[in-house]
PDB file of N, CA and C in Angstrom:
ATOM      1  N   MET A   1     157.677 -24.913-155.600  1.00  0.00           N
ATOM      2  CA  MET A   1     158.833 -24.454-154.837  1.00  0.00           C
ATOM      3  C   MET A   1     159.067 -22.973-155.118  1.00  0.00           C
ATOM      4  N   TYR A   2     159.390 -22.228-154.079  1.00  0.00           N
ATOM      5  CA  TYR A   2     159.629 -20.797-154.210  1.00  0.00           C
ATOM      6  C   TYR A   2     161.059 -20.559-154.684  1.00  0.00           C
ATOM      7  N   CYS A   3     161.192 -19.765-155.717  1.00  0.00           N
ATOM      8  CA  CYS A   3     162.519 -19.426-156.241  1.00  0.00           C
ATOM      9  C   CYS A   3     162.959 -18.106-155.608  1.00  0.00           C
ATOM     10  N   LEU A   4     164.119 -18.095-154.990  1.00  0.00           N
ATOM     11  CA  LEU A   4     164.605 -16.901-154.315  1.00  0.00           C
ATOM     12  C   LEU A   4     164.873 -15.757-155.288  1.00  0.00           C
ATOM     13  N   PHE A   5     165.339 -16.077-156.479  1.00  0.00           N
ATOM     14  CA  PHE A   5     165.634 -15.060-157.483  1.00  0.00           C
ATOM     15  C   PHE A   5     164.872 -15.361-158.766  1.00  0.00           C
ATOM     16  N   PRO A   6     163.549 -15.138-158.789  1.00  0.00           N
ATOM     17  CA  PRO A   6     162.748 -15.510-159.954  1.00  0.00           C
ATOM     18  C   PRO A   6     163.096 -14.738-161.217  1.00  0.00           C
ATOM     19  N   GLN A   7     163.708 -13.560-161.086  1.00  0.00           N
ATOM     20  CA  GLN A   7     164.047 -12.802-162.280  1.00  0.00           C
ATOM     21  C   GLN A   7     165.040 -13.552-163.160  1.00  0.00           C
ATOM     22  N   GLY A   8     165.772 -14.502-162.592  1.00  0.00           N
ATOM     23  CA  GLY A   8     166.703 -15.308-163.375  1.00  0.00           C
ATOM     24  C   GLY A   8     165.993 -16.229-164.344  1.00  0.00           C
ATOM     25  N   ASP A   9     164.717 -16.513-164.062  1.00  0.00           N
ATOM     26  CA  ASP A   9     163.925 -17.379-164.932  1.00  0.00           C
ATOM     27  C   ASP A   9     163.256 -16.611-166.064  1.00  0.00           C
ATOM     28  N   PHE A  10     163.308 -15.289-166.014  1.00  0.00           N
ATOM     29  CA  PHE A  10     162.625 -14.465-167.003  1.00  0.00           C
ATOM     30  C   PHE A  10     163.610 -14.063-168.092  1.00  0.00           C
ATOM     31  N   LYS A  11     163.320 -14.449-169.313  1.00  0.00           N
ATOM     32  CA  LYS A  11     164.216 -14.135-170.426  1.00  0.00           C
ATOM     33  C   LYS A  11     164.008 -12.695-170.873  1.00  0.00           C
ATOM     34  N   LYS A  12     165.098 -11.988-171.077  1.00  0.00           N
ATOM     35  CA  LYS A  12     165.041 -10.597-171.500  1.00  0.00           C
ATOM     36  C   LYS A  12     164.279 -10.491-172.819  1.00  0.00           C
ATOM     37  N   GLY A  13     163.337  -9.575-172.856  1.00  0.00           N
ATOM     38  CA  GLY A  13     162.553  -9.369-174.064  1.00  0.00           C
ATOM     39  C   GLY A  13     161.355 -10.292-174.190  1.00  0.00           C
ATOM     40  N   ALA A  14     161.213 -11.235-173.270  1.00  0.00           N
ATOM     41  CA  ALA A  14     160.082 -12.165-173.326  1.00  0.00           C
ATOM     42  C   ALA A  14     158.806 -11.431-172.920  1.00  0.00           C
ATOM     43  N   GLU A  15     157.703 -11.822-173.519  1.00  0.00           N
ATOM     44  CA  GLU A  15     156.421 -11.208-173.190  1.00  0.00           C
ATOM     45  C   GLU A  15     155.742 -11.990-172.076  1.00  0.00           C
ATOM     46  N   VAL A  16     155.039 -11.257-171.230  1.00  0.00           N
ATOM     47  CA  VAL A  16     154.298 -11.873-170.133  1.00  0.00           C
ATOM     48  C   VAL A  16     152.828 -11.935-170.544  1.00  0.00           C
ATOM     49  N   PRO A  17     152.206 -13.111-170.466  1.00  0.00           N
ATOM     50  CA  PRO A  17     150.775 -13.202-170.783  1.00  0.00           C
ATOM     51  C   PRO A  17     149.968 -12.247-169.897  1.00  0.00           C
ATOM     52  N   GLU A  18     148.859 -11.727-170.430  1.00  0.00           N
ATOM     53  CA  GLU A  18     148.062 -10.735-169.710  1.00  0.00           C
ATOM     54  C   GLU A  18     147.529 -11.237-168.374  1.00  0.00           C
ATOM     55  N   ASP A  19     147.322 -12.537-168.239  1.00  0.00           N
ATOM     56  CA  ASP A  19     146.767 -13.067-166.995  1.00  0.00           C
ATOM     57  C   ASP A  19     147.846 -13.471-165.991  1.00  0.00           C
ATOM     58  N   GLU A  20     149.090 -13.095-166.241  1.00  0.00           N
ATOM     59  CA  GLU A  20     150.199 -13.405-165.336  1.00  0.00           C
ATOM     60  C   GLU A  20     150.923 -12.124-164.949  1.00  0.00           C
ATOM     61  N   PHE A  21     151.773 -12.229-163.960  1.00  0.00           N
ATOM     62  CA  PHE A  21     152.603 -11.100-163.571  1.00  0.00           C
ATOM     63  C   PHE A  21     154.023 -11.588-163.327  1.00  0.00           C
ATOM     64  N   VAL A  22     154.954 -10.663-163.349  1.00  0.00           N
ATOM     65  CA  VAL A  22     156.357 -10.980-163.106  1.00  0.00           C
ATOM     66  C   VAL A  22     156.748 -10.375-161.763  1.00  0.00           C
ATOM     67  N   LEU A  23     157.273 -11.203-160.882  1.00  0.00           N
ATOM     68  CA  LEU A  23     157.762 -10.712-159.601  1.00  0.00           C
ATOM     69  C   LEU A  23     159.122 -10.070-159.842  1.00  0.00           C
ATOM     70  N   LEU A  24     159.195  -8.765-159.661  1.00  0.00           N
ATOM     71  CA  LEU A  24     160.442  -8.048-159.901  1.00  0.00           C
ATOM     72  C   LEU A  24     161.406  -8.165-158.734  1.00  0.00           C
ATOM     73  N   GLY A  25     160.892  -8.300-157.540  1.00  0.00           N
ATOM     74  CA  GLY A  25     161.746  -8.400-156.362  1.00  0.00           C
ATOM     75  C   GLY A  25     161.090  -7.727-155.176  1.00  0.00           C
ATOM     76  N   ASP A  26     161.856  -7.523-154.143  1.00  0.00           N
ATOM     77  CA  ASP A  26     161.367  -6.922-152.902  1.00  0.00           C
ATOM     78  C   ASP A  26     162.107  -5.628-152.624  1.00  0.00           C
ATOM     79  N   ILE A  27     161.454  -4.759-151.892  1.00  0.00           N
ATOM     80  CA  ILE A  27     162.100  -3.550-151.389  1.00  0.00           C
ATOM     81  C   ILE A  27     161.932  -3.574-149.873  1.00  0.00           C
ATOM     82  N   ALA A  28     163.034  -3.601-149.162  1.00  0.00           N
ATOM     83  CA  ALA A  28     163.007  -3.600-147.694  1.00  0.00           C
ATOM     84  C   ALA A  28     163.361  -2.200-147.204  1.00  0.00           C
ATOM     85  N   MET A  29     162.534  -1.675-146.314  1.00  0.00           N
ATOM     86  CA  MET A  29     162.751  -0.334-145.783  1.00  0.00           C
ATOM     87  C   MET A  29     162.929  -0.438-144.265  1.00  0.00           C
ATOM     88  N   ALA A  30     163.992   0.135-143.742  1.00  0.00           N
ATOM     89  CA  ALA A  30     164.267   0.119-142.303  1.00  0.00           C
ATOM     90  C   ALA A  30     163.892   1.479-141.706  1.00  0.00           C
ATOM     91  N   TYR A  31     162.824   1.488-140.920  1.00  0.00           N
ATOM     92  CA  TYR A  31     162.290   2.732-140.349  1.00  0.00           C
ATOM     93  C   TYR A  31     163.376   3.541-139.635  1.00  0.00           C
ATOM     94  N   ASP A  32     164.120   2.889-138.745  1.00  0.00           N
ATOM     95  CA  ASP A  32     165.130   3.601-137.955  1.00  0.00           C
ATOM     96  C   ASP A  32     166.217   4.211-138.835  1.00  0.00           C
ATOM     97  N   VAL A  33     166.638   3.482-139.847  1.00  0.00           N
ATOM     98  CA  VAL A  33     167.685   3.984-140.747  1.00  0.00           C
ATOM     99  C   VAL A  33     167.166   5.181-141.538  1.00  0.00           C
ATOM    100  N   ILE A  34     165.941   5.077-142.030  1.00  0.00           N
ATOM    101  CA  ILE A  34     165.356   6.189-142.783  1.00  0.00           C
ATOM    102  C   ILE A  34     165.255   7.428-141.898  1.00  0.00           C
ATOM    103  N   ALA A  35     164.835   7.242-140.659  1.00  0.00           N
ATOM    104  CA  ALA A  35     164.696   8.369-139.731  1.00  0.00           C
ATOM    105  C   ALA A  35     166.040   9.048-139.471  1.00  0.00           C
ATOM    106  N   VAL A  36     167.078   8.261-139.226  1.00  0.00           N
ATOM    107  CA  VAL A  36     168.412   8.821-138.960  1.00  0.00           C
ATOM    108  C   VAL A  36     168.948   9.541-140.192  1.00  0.00           C
ATOM    109  N   GLU A  37     168.839   8.903-141.366  1.00  0.00           N
ATOM    110  CA  GLU A  37     169.335   9.520-142.603  1.00  0.00           C
ATOM    111  C   GLU A  37     168.564  10.793-142.939  1.00  0.00           C
ATOM    112  N   ALA A  38     167.255  10.782-142.737  1.00  0.00           N
ATOM    113  CA  ALA A  38     166.437  11.963-143.029  1.00  0.00           C
ATOM    114  C   ALA A  38     166.874  13.141-142.163  1.00  0.00           C
ATOM    115  N   LYS A  39     167.093  12.872-140.888  1.00  0.00           N
ATOM    116  CA  LYS A  39     167.536  13.938-139.979  1.00  0.00           C
ATOM    117  C   LYS A  39     168.905  14.456-140.399  1.00  0.00           C
ATOM    118  N   LYS A  40     169.818  13.548-140.728  1.00  0.00           N
ATOM    119  CA  LYS A  40     171.176  13.919-141.139  1.00  0.00           C
ATOM    120  C   LYS A  40     171.158  14.763-142.411  1.00  0.00           C
ATOM    121  N   GLU A  41     170.262  14.429-143.340  1.00  0.00           N
ATOM    122  CA  GLU A  41     170.177  15.132-144.624  1.00  0.00           C
ATOM    123  C   GLU A  41     169.185  16.297-144.594  1.00  0.00           C
ATOM    124  N   GLU A  42     168.650  16.587-143.404  1.00  0.00           N
ATOM    125  CA  GLU A  42     167.696  17.680-143.206  1.00  0.00           C
ATOM    126  C   GLU A  42     166.494  17.568-144.148  1.00  0.00           C
ATOM    127  N   LYS A  43     165.939  16.352-144.224  1.00  0.00           N
ATOM    128  CA  LYS A  43     164.736  16.071-145.007  1.00  0.00           C
ATOM    129  C   LYS A  43     163.656  15.588-144.049  1.00  0.00           C
ATOM    130  N   THR A  44     162.410  15.649-144.492  1.00  0.00           N
ATOM    131  CA  THR A  44     161.360  15.028-143.690  1.00  0.00           C
ATOM    132  C   THR A  44     161.463  13.521-143.876  1.00  0.00           C
ATOM    133  N   PHE A  45     160.921  12.801-142.908  1.00  0.00           N
ATOM    134  CA  PHE A  45     160.921  11.344-143.012  1.00  0.00           C
ATOM    135  C   PHE A  45     160.214  10.910-144.291  1.00  0.00           C
ATOM    136  N   LEU A  46     159.047  11.502-144.562  1.00  0.00           N
ATOM    137  CA  LEU A  46     158.264  11.116-145.735  1.00  0.00           C
ATOM    138  C   LEU A  46     159.014  11.385-147.036  1.00  0.00           C
ATOM    139  N   ASP A  47     159.678  12.533-147.130  1.00  0.00           N
ATOM    140  CA  ASP A  47     160.445  12.840-148.343  1.00  0.00           C
ATOM    141  C   ASP A  47     161.553  11.818-148.568  1.00  0.00           C
ATOM    142  N   HIS A  48     162.262  11.474-147.504  1.00  0.00           N
ATOM    143  CA  HIS A  48     163.363  10.522-147.651  1.00  0.00           C
ATOM    144  C   HIS A  48     162.837   9.123-147.953  1.00  0.00           C
ATOM    145  N   PHE A  49     161.743   8.743-147.290  1.00  0.00           N
ATOM    146  CA  PHE A  49     161.123   7.448-147.555  1.00  0.00           C
ATOM    147  C   PHE A  49     160.726   7.341-149.026  1.00  0.00           C
ATOM    148  N   CYS A  50     160.060   8.374-149.539  1.00  0.00           N
ATOM    149  CA  CYS A  50     159.628   8.364-150.947  1.00  0.00           C
ATOM    150  C   CYS A  50     160.818   8.305-151.893  1.00  0.00           C
ATOM    151  N   HIS A  51     161.863   9.050-151.572  1.00  0.00           N
ATOM    152  CA  HIS A  51     163.085   9.028-152.388  1.00  0.00           C
ATOM    153  C   HIS A  51     163.651   7.607-152.466  1.00  0.00           C
ATOM    154  N   LEU A  52     163.752   6.952-151.318  1.00  0.00           N
ATOM    155  CA  LEU A  52     164.297   5.593-151.291  1.00  0.00           C
ATOM    156  C   LEU A  52     163.381   4.594-151.985  1.00  0.00           C
ATOM    157  N   LEU A  53     162.080   4.783-151.857  1.00  0.00           N
ATOM    158  CA  LEU A  53     161.126   3.896-152.520  1.00  0.00           C
ATOM    159  C   LEU A  53     161.240   4.007-154.041  1.00  0.00           C
ATOM    160  N   VAL A  54     161.296   5.221-154.549  1.00  0.00           N
ATOM    161  CA  VAL A  54     161.462   5.424-155.996  1.00  0.00           C
ATOM    162  C   VAL A  54     162.797   4.850-156.451  1.00  0.00           C
ATOM    163  N   HIS A  55     163.849   5.094-155.679  1.00  0.00           N
ATOM    164  CA  HIS A  55     165.180   4.566-156.003  1.00  0.00           C
ATOM    165  C   HIS A  55     165.140   3.038-156.102  1.00  0.00           C
ATOM    166  N   GLY A  56     164.491   2.400-155.135  1.00  0.00           N
ATOM    167  CA  GLY A  56     164.368   0.939-155.150  1.00  0.00           C
ATOM    168  C   GLY A  56     163.566   0.439-156.338  1.00  0.00           C
ATOM    169  N   CYS A  57     162.472   1.125-156.656  1.00  0.00           N
ATOM    170  CA  CYS A  57     161.654   0.733-157.821  1.00  0.00           C
ATOM    171  C   CYS A  57     162.457   0.830-159.110  1.00  0.00           C
ATOM    172  N   LEU A  58     163.217   1.885-159.248  1.00  0.00           N
ATOM    173  CA  LEU A  58     164.039   2.037-160.455  1.00  0.00           C
ATOM    174  C   LEU A  58     165.046   0.901-160.582  1.00  0.00           C
ATOM    175  N   HIS A  59     165.625   0.478-159.470  1.00  0.00           N
ATOM    176  CA  HIS A  59     166.525  -0.679-159.506  1.00  0.00           C
ATOM    177  C   HIS A  59     165.779  -1.925-159.974  1.00  0.00           C
ATOM    178  N   LEU A  60     164.573  -2.143-159.458  1.00  0.00           N
ATOM    179  CA  LEU A  60     163.798  -3.319-159.858  1.00  0.00           C
ATOM    180  C   LEU A  60     163.429  -3.273-161.336  1.00  0.00           C
ATOM    181  N   PHE A  61     163.227  -2.067-161.859  1.00  0.00           N
ATOM    182  CA  PHE A  61     162.900  -1.913-163.279  1.00  0.00           C
ATOM    183  C   PHE A  61     164.140  -2.003-164.161  1.00  0.00           C
ATOM    184  N   GLY A  62     165.316  -2.058-163.538  1.00  0.00           N
ATOM    185  CA  GLY A  62     166.558  -2.174-164.304  1.00  0.00           C
ATOM    186  C   GLY A  62     167.085  -0.854-164.823  1.00  0.00           C
ATOM    187  N   ILE A  63     166.657   0.225-164.197  1.00  0.00           N
ATOM    188  CA  ILE A  63     167.076   1.565-164.644  1.00  0.00           C
ATOM    189  C   ILE A  63     168.181   2.074-163.745  1.00  0.00           C
TER     190      ILE A  63
END
């Protein structure tokens, strides 16, 4: 069965065996929203996309 929030099953400080991985979560990116925000903030689409991607990754890492 697929767990919607698998991070709840992972104990803080627990080690992950080398042959396994931990699903941190998903990052959803909306093309139209990124395009509008990039134009509003006078950034290129790629710069804003990368900014949001890094921001999302940091959230998944708990930073």
